[in-house]
Amino acid sequence: MPKRMTIAEQLRRAVNASDQTGSDLAAAAGLNESTLSRFRRGIGNPQLAAAESLARVVGYSLELVPLKTRKRSRRKR
């Protein structure tokens, strides 16, 4: 089974696929250009607020999605 990509890896792909320049992305997301550059090269991950802002700039959102819950079996007592 293939390994699932982390949120940071998925966001990095979306950012790197963007046709916006690094300075435009950084400005729109409210990030320092050097912070964005390090993230794009796989050096570190942004804090949650920065990741949300960056995702929005490249047309994505970060959201929590509930896991499918298993029905609990009832034990006879």
Protein backbone atom coordinates (compact mmCIF):
# COMPACT_ATOMS: atom_id res chain seq x y z
CA MET A 1 0.00 0.00 0.00
CA PRO A 2 1.47 3.41 -0.93
CA LYS A 3 2.36 5.80 1.86
CA ARG A 4 -0.15 8.63 2.34
CA MET A 5 1.21 12.13 1.91
CA THR A 6 1.19 14.42 4.91
CA ILE A 7 -0.72 17.69 4.89
CA ALA A 8 2.60 19.53 4.54
CA GLU A 9 3.58 17.40 1.53
CA GLN A 10 0.22 17.99 -0.13
CA LEU A 11 0.41 21.74 0.52
CA ARG A 12 3.99 21.86 -0.75
CA ARG A 13 2.90 20.22 -4.01
CA ALA A 14 0.05 22.70 -4.43
CA VAL A 15 2.33 25.67 -3.70
CA ASN A 16 5.06 24.43 -6.04
CA ALA A 17 2.48 23.83 -8.80
CA SER A 18 1.19 27.38 -8.49
CA ASP A 19 2.06 29.75 -11.30
CA GLN A 20 2.52 32.62 -8.83
CA THR A 21 5.98 33.88 -7.98
CA GLY A 22 7.41 33.24 -4.55
CA SER A 23 7.21 36.90 -3.64
CA ASP A 24 3.55 37.10 -4.77
CA LEU A 25 2.66 33.95 -2.82
CA ALA A 26 4.47 35.16 0.30
CA ALA A 27 2.83 38.59 0.15
CA ALA A 28 -0.67 37.17 -0.43
CA ALA A 29 -0.26 34.67 2.42
CA GLY A 30 1.34 37.19 4.77
CA LEU A 31 4.58 35.21 4.99
CA ASN A 32 8.22 36.16 4.84
CA GLU A 33 9.74 35.15 1.50
CA SER A 34 12.53 33.20 3.18
CA THR A 35 9.99 31.22 5.22
CA LEU A 36 8.08 30.34 2.06
CA SER A 37 11.29 29.45 0.24
CA ARG A 38 12.38 27.05 2.99
CA PHE A 39 8.96 25.40 3.00
CA ARG A 40 8.97 25.02 -0.80
CA ARG A 41 12.35 23.27 -0.58
CA GLY A 42 11.13 20.88 2.11
CA ILE A 43 12.97 22.53 4.97
CA GLY A 44 10.51 22.75 7.84
CA ASN A 45 6.76 23.26 7.92
CA PRO A 46 4.70 26.40 8.49
CA GLN A 47 2.62 26.89 11.60
CA LEU A 48 -1.07 26.11 11.21
CA ALA A 49 -2.22 29.71 10.64
CA ALA A 50 0.44 30.19 7.94
CA ALA A 51 -0.46 26.86 6.31
CA GLU A 52 -4.14 27.84 6.23
CA SER A 53 -3.33 31.19 4.66
CA LEU A 54 -0.98 29.65 2.11
CA ALA A 55 -3.51 26.96 1.20
CA ARG A 56 -6.17 29.60 0.63
CA VAL A 57 -3.84 31.58 -1.67
CA VAL A 58 -3.29 28.54 -3.92
CA GLY A 59 -6.99 27.62 -3.93
CA TYR A 60 -7.26 25.02 -1.19
CA SER A 61 -8.54 24.81 2.36
CA LEU A 62 -7.40 22.85 5.37
CA GLU A 63 -10.20 21.17 7.24
CA LEU A 64 -10.78 18.37 9.67
CA VAL A 65 -12.84 15.54 8.28
CA PRO A 66 -14.28 12.96 10.68
CA LEU A 67 -12.99 9.45 10.36
CA LYS A 68 -15.47 6.75 9.57
CA THR A 69 -16.52 5.31 12.85
CA ARG A 70 -16.78 1.62 13.41
CA LYS A 71 -19.88 0.31 15.00
CA ARG A 72 -19.04 -0.89 18.43
CA SER A 73 -20.10 -4.39 19.13
CA ARG A 74 -22.21 -4.83 22.19
CA ARG A 75 -20.89 -7.30 24.68
CA LYS A 76 -23.28 -9.44 26.59
CA ARG A 77 -22.86 -9.02 30.28
